[in-house]
Protein backbone atom coordinates (compact mmCIF):
# COMPACT_ATOMS: atom_id res chain seq x y z
CA MET A 1 0.00 0.00 0.00
CA SER A 2 1.28 3.45 -0.86
CA ARG A 3 2.19 5.91 1.89
CA LYS A 4 -0.78 8.18 1.21
CA CYS A 5 -3.66 9.29 3.42
CA GLN A 6 -6.90 7.69 2.26
CA LEU A 7 -9.09 10.68 3.20
CA THR A 8 -6.96 13.75 2.46
CA GLY A 9 -4.53 12.40 -0.15
CA LYS A 10 -1.47 13.66 1.77
CA LYS A 11 1.78 12.04 0.65
CA ALA A 12 5.55 12.54 0.84
CA ASN A 13 7.18 15.90 0.03
CA ASN A 14 10.44 16.15 -1.92
CA GLY A 15 12.84 18.47 -0.13
CA PHE A 16 16.48 19.07 0.64
CA ALA A 17 18.60 18.32 3.69
CA VAL A 18 20.89 21.36 3.91
CA SER A 19 24.16 21.05 5.83
CA HIS A 20 26.09 23.84 7.53
CA SER A 21 28.22 24.24 4.38
CA HIS A 22 24.96 24.58 2.42
CA HIS A 23 25.50 21.26 0.64
CA ARG A 24 22.08 20.00 -0.44
CA THR A 25 21.04 16.35 -0.61
CA HIS A 26 17.60 15.10 -1.55
CA LYS A 27 15.37 14.17 1.38
CA LEU A 28 11.90 12.69 1.33
CA GLN A 29 9.65 14.16 4.03
CA GLU A 30 7.05 11.47 4.70
CA ALA A 31 3.54 12.24 5.94
CA ASN A 32 2.76 11.12 9.50
CA LEU A 33 0.45 8.21 8.68
CA GLN A 34 -1.31 5.95 11.17
CA TRP A 35 -3.55 2.91 10.80
CA LYS A 36 -6.77 3.78 12.66
CA ARG A 37 -9.96 1.87 13.32
CA ILE A 38 -12.80 4.36 13.07
CA TRP A 39 -16.29 3.54 14.35
CA TRP A 40 -18.91 3.96 11.61
CA PRO A 41 -22.20 4.56 13.44
CA GLN A 42 -24.46 4.23 10.39
CA GLU A 43 -23.35 0.64 9.72
CA LYS A 44 -22.49 -0.09 13.38
CA ARG A 45 -19.02 -1.43 12.54
CA TRP A 46 -15.34 -0.50 12.50
CA VAL A 47 -13.56 0.76 9.37
CA LYS A 48 -9.76 0.50 9.17
CA LEU A 49 -8.12 3.43 7.34
CA HIS A 50 -4.57 4.68 6.70
CA LEU A 51 -4.82 8.31 7.88
CA SER A 52 -2.55 11.28 8.42
CA THR A 53 -2.63 12.79 11.89
CA LYS A 54 -4.13 15.97 10.40
CA ALA A 55 -6.97 13.86 8.95
CA ILE A 56 -7.60 12.27 12.36
CA LYS A 57 -8.11 15.73 13.89
CA THR A 58 -10.37 16.82 11.03
CA LEU A 59 -12.30 13.55 11.32
CA GLN A 60 -13.23 14.38 14.91
CA HIS A 61 -14.60 17.73 13.72
CA LYS A 62 -16.39 16.76 10.47
CA GLY A 63 -17.21 13.08 10.87
CA LEU A 64 -16.47 9.97 8.84
CA GLU A 65 -19.40 10.17 6.41
CA ILE A 66 -18.65 13.73 5.23
CA MET A 67 -14.89 13.21 4.85
CA ALA A 68 -15.34 9.95 2.93
CA LYS A 69 -17.81 11.64 0.59
CA GLU A 70 -15.36 14.53 -0.03
CA ALA A 71 -12.55 12.04 -0.75
CA GLY A 72 -14.76 9.93 -3.02
CA ILE A 73 -14.35 6.78 -0.92
CA ASN A 74 -17.01 4.08 -0.77
CA LEU A 75 -16.97 2.95 2.87
CA TYR A 76 -19.06 -0.13 2.09
CA LYS A 77 -16.04 -1.65 0.30
CA MET A 78 -13.72 -1.12 3.28
């Protein structure tokens, strides 16, 4: 599975690690992804999703149904 948030689409960022002498080397800044079991009250079951920590905070505010609809995810297939 790719390292990408299933609800927000967050993924790695290409950047540089810059030393004191200003020598630049490529560095991949990965998103902070977590496997979370989210309770889906409509179906009365758990849904396991790969989420960024930002998405977990937003999920508490908006709710699972709304965020899945915005992301175009069919929760019945999860």
